Amino acid sequence: MKDLIIRKALEEDREAIALISARAFNNDWKLLSTDENKIARILAPGVFIDVYDVAIVNQKIVGFISLVTKNERAQYIKEKVFQKEVGFFKGYAMAMMLKKEFEEPLHFNTDQVYVDILGVDPDFNHQGIGSQLLQHTIENNKQKEISLKVTSINENAINCYTKKGFHEFKREKVKYPKQMGFDEFIYMKR
């Protein structure tokens, strides 16, 4: 896509990032809510904006990538926001369930970066935006090993990562595959 601009995320990009997360990963959020705007309101306060780059087409954010090092994470779970949006008990239970996945420190070496989240607005899928975000990351982190995690059912992402020189180095079974909708995480690095 020739009119694509990639830049560091700004504070005013927070809601757009959250909405793209809600839309791009809507299957993952169905247990919480099918309302994308509600999911975006839940996610927005926990976006750690400092680790995001955004992809822009015609002055609209259409995708993002978050790169973390050491103990940073891209998204934090704000349980009070979950409770406000979906109810006290459901909000608390979902927040506690997601905290580990989103907030657990990664413990990387200083020569490593981790793609914590890469998301593209579904209206812009299959236009090379995810690939360009990944290429931007590779070009700006030439001296560092880049790693990521992908679900075993996300064949499009796995193919994209493989084309960009990533290779699998580990698989991890998930505890509740039926509820999660997939059975393994695949870890890849470049």
Protein backbone atom coordinates (compact mmCIF):
# COMPACT_ATOMS: atom_id res chain seq x y z
CA MET A 1 0.00 0.00 0.00
CA LYS A 2 1.75 3.14 -1.22
CA ASP A 3 -0.01 5.79 0.90
CA LEU A 4 0.80 4.03 4.17
CA ILE A 5 2.56 6.02 6.90
CA ILE A 6 4.01 4.33 9.99
CA ARG A 7 4.82 6.44 13.04
CA LYS A 8 5.10 6.22 16.82
CA ALA A 9 1.71 6.23 18.51
CA LEU A 10 0.53 9.36 20.27
CA GLU A 11 -1.77 9.68 23.27
CA GLU A 12 -4.64 10.70 21.01
CA ASP A 13 -4.29 7.33 19.17
CA ARG A 14 -5.34 5.33 22.26
CA GLU A 15 -9.04 4.92 21.33
CA ALA A 16 -8.26 4.01 17.70
CA ILE A 17 -5.79 1.33 18.85
CA ALA A 18 -8.37 -0.07 21.28
CA LEU A 19 -11.09 -0.15 18.62
CA ILE A 20 -8.83 -1.93 16.14
CA SER A 21 -7.98 -4.46 18.89
CA ALA A 22 -11.68 -4.99 19.52
CA ARG A 23 -12.42 -5.43 15.82
CA ALA A 24 -9.33 -7.42 14.79
CA PHE A 25 -9.61 -9.87 17.67
CA ASN A 26 -13.40 -9.93 18.00
CA ASN A 27 -13.49 -13.73 18.29
CA ASP A 28 -11.21 -13.49 21.33
CA TRP A 29 -13.52 -11.00 23.04
CA LYS A 30 -16.86 -12.74 22.44
CA LEU A 31 -16.98 -14.21 25.96
CA LEU A 32 -16.78 -10.69 27.33
CA SER A 33 -19.04 -8.90 24.84
CA THR A 34 -19.92 -8.81 21.15
CA ASP A 35 -20.14 -5.00 21.25
CA GLU A 36 -16.87 -3.75 19.68
CA ASN A 37 -17.30 -0.26 21.14
CA LYS A 38 -17.71 -1.70 24.64
CA ILE A 39 -14.56 -3.81 24.20
CA ALA A 40 -12.71 -0.71 22.96
CA ARG A 41 -13.83 1.24 26.07
CA ILE A 42 -12.56 -1.63 28.23
CA LEU A 43 -9.18 -1.81 26.47
CA ALA A 44 -8.38 1.89 25.91
CA PRO A 45 -7.33 2.81 29.48
CA GLY A 46 -4.86 -0.11 29.57
CA VAL A 47 -3.05 0.65 26.30
CA PHE A 48 0.62 1.42 27.12
CA ILE A 49 0.96 3.92 24.28
CA ASP A 50 4.78 4.22 24.52
CA VAL A 51 5.35 0.80 22.91
CA TYR A 52 3.06 1.21 19.87
CA ASP A 53 3.64 2.22 16.27
CA VAL A 54 0.58 2.90 14.13
CA ALA A 55 -0.13 2.50 10.42
CA ILE A 56 -2.08 5.33 8.83
CA VAL A 57 -3.90 5.44 5.48
CA ASN A 58 -5.67 8.64 4.41
CA GLN A 59 -5.24 10.10 7.92
CA LYS A 60 -6.94 7.09 9.53
CA ILE A 61 -5.23 4.60 11.82
CA VAL A 62 -5.69 1.19 10.21
CA GLY A 63 -3.23 -0.95 12.14
CA PHE A 64 -0.67 -1.08 14.91
CA ILE A 65 2.25 -3.05 16.24
CA SER A 66 3.55 -3.02 19.80
CA LEU A 67 7.16 -3.84 20.61
CA VAL A 68 8.18 -4.55 24.14
CA THR A 69 11.45 -5.23 25.89
CA LYS A 70 12.30 -6.55 29.33
CA ASN A 71 9.23 -6.36 31.57
CA GLU A 72 7.06 -3.93 29.59
CA ARG A 73 3.76 -5.07 28.13
CA ALA A 74 1.53 -3.40 25.56
CA GLN A 75 -1.83 -3.83 27.27
CA TYR A 76 -2.73 -3.73 30.94
CA ILE A 77 -5.98 -4.96 32.43
CA LYS A 78 -7.93 -2.38 34.40
CA GLU A 79 -10.38 -4.53 36.36
CA LYS A 80 -12.58 -1.61 37.48
CA VAL A 81 -13.17 -0.70 33.82
CA PHE A 82 -14.08 -4.33 33.05
CA GLN A 83 -16.51 -4.32 35.98
CA LYS A 84 -18.08 -1.02 34.94
CA GLU A 85 -18.68 -2.20 31.38
CA VAL A 86 -19.84 -5.81 31.88
CA GLY A 87 -20.85 -6.06 35.54
CA PHE A 88 -19.05 -6.59 38.81
CA PHE A 89 -18.67 -10.38 38.84
CA LYS A 90 -18.23 -11.01 35.12
CA GLY A 91 -15.86 -8.05 34.84
CA TYR A 92 -13.77 -9.20 37.78
CA ALA A 93 -13.61 -12.82 36.56
CA MET A 94 -12.63 -11.84 33.01
CA ALA A 95 -10.05 -9.32 34.22
CA MET A 96 -8.40 -11.91 36.48
CA MET A 97 -8.42 -14.48 33.68
CA LEU A 98 -6.74 -12.05 31.25
CA LYS A 99 -4.22 -10.46 33.63
CA LYS A 100 -1.67 -13.25 33.29
CA GLU A 101 -1.83 -13.33 29.50
CA PHE A 102 -1.52 -9.56 29.13
CA GLU A 103 0.62 -8.48 32.07
CA GLU A 104 3.04 -11.27 32.93
CA PRO A 105 6.64 -10.00 32.53
CA LEU A 106 8.46 -11.53 29.58
CA HIS A 107 12.06 -11.47 30.95
CA PHE A 108 13.95 -10.92 27.72
CA ASN A 109 17.60 -10.08 27.23
CA THR A 110 18.50 -6.52 26.29
CA ASP A 111 19.20 -7.66 22.71
CA GLN A 112 15.63 -8.89 22.19
CA VAL A 113 12.30 -7.27 21.35
CA TYR A 114 8.92 -8.95 21.41
CA VAL A 115 5.96 -8.21 19.18
CA ASP A 116 3.31 -8.14 21.90
CA ILE A 117 0.35 -7.30 19.64
CA LEU A 118 -0.03 -6.69 15.91
CA GLY A 119 -3.50 -5.69 14.77
CA VAL A 120 -5.05 -4.53 11.51
CA ASP A 121 -8.54 -3.11 11.07
CA PRO A 122 -10.54 -5.90 9.36
CA ASP A 123 -11.64 -3.41 6.66
CA PHE A 124 -7.94 -3.25 5.63
CA ASN A 125 -7.03 -6.95 5.84
CA HIS A 126 -5.08 -8.51 2.96
CA GLN A 127 -3.63 -5.16 1.87
CA GLY A 128 -0.11 -5.73 3.25
CA ILE A 129 -0.48 -3.48 6.29
CA GLY A 130 0.53 -6.13 8.82
CA SER A 131 3.44 -7.12 6.61
CA GLN A 132 4.62 -3.49 6.33
CA LEU A 133 4.33 -2.98 10.09
CA LEU A 134 6.45 -6.07 10.58
CA GLN A 135 8.99 -4.93 7.96
CA HIS A 136 9.20 -1.54 9.70
CA THR A 137 9.95 -3.36 12.95
CA ILE A 138 12.64 -5.52 11.33
CA GLU A 139 14.33 -2.51 9.73
CA ASN A 140 14.35 -0.53 12.96
CA ASN A 141 15.61 -3.40 15.13
CA LYS A 142 18.39 -4.88 12.98
CA GLN A 143 20.67 -5.60 15.93
CA LYS A 144 18.02 -7.33 18.01
CA GLU A 145 16.34 -10.69 17.94
CA ILE A 146 12.61 -10.24 17.36
CA SER A 147 10.19 -12.82 18.75
CA LEU A 148 6.43 -13.21 18.85
CA LYS A 149 3.63 -15.59 19.74
CA VAL A 150 0.76 -16.58 17.46
CA THR A 151 -2.21 -18.90 17.84
CA SER A 152 -1.99 -22.20 15.99
CA ILE A 153 -5.13 -21.40 13.97
CA ASN A 154 -3.92 -18.03 12.66
CA GLU A 155 -2.53 -19.35 9.37
CA ASN A 156 -2.43 -15.94 7.65
CA ALA A 157 -0.23 -14.50 10.39
CA ILE A 158 2.01 -17.59 10.48
CA ASN A 159 2.52 -17.35 6.69
CA CYS A 160 3.28 -13.62 6.94
CA TYR A 161 5.81 -14.16 9.73
CA THR A 162 7.47 -17.03 7.86
CA LYS A 163 7.83 -14.87 4.71
CA LYS A 164 9.53 -12.21 6.87
CA GLY A 165 12.14 -14.72 8.08
CA PHE A 166 10.61 -15.86 11.36
CA HIS A 167 10.83 -19.52 12.34
CA GLU A 168 9.12 -21.55 15.01
CA PHE A 169 11.13 -22.36 18.12
CA LYS A 170 8.50 -23.53 20.62
CA ARG A 171 4.87 -24.64 21.00
CA GLU A 172 2.77 -24.36 24.11
CA LYS A 173 -0.56 -26.09 24.74
CA VAL A 174 -3.31 -23.87 26.16
CA LYS A 175 -5.23 -24.88 29.28
CA TYR A 176 -8.76 -24.44 27.93
CA PRO A 177 -8.62 -25.05 24.16
CA LYS A 178 -12.38 -25.32 23.70
CA GLN A 179 -13.00 -21.95 25.38
CA MET A 180 -9.98 -20.33 23.72
CA GLY A 181 -10.86 -21.60 20.23
CA PHE A 182 -7.35 -22.94 19.56
CA ASP A 183 -5.07 -25.53 21.13
CA GLU A 184 -1.54 -24.11 20.94
CA PHE A 185 0.54 -20.97 20.94
CA ILE A 186 3.40 -21.02 18.45
CA TYR A 187 6.50 -19.00 19.38
CA MET A 188 8.56 -17.63 16.50
CA LYS A 189 11.75 -15.58 16.23
CA ARG A 190 13.90 -13.84 13.67
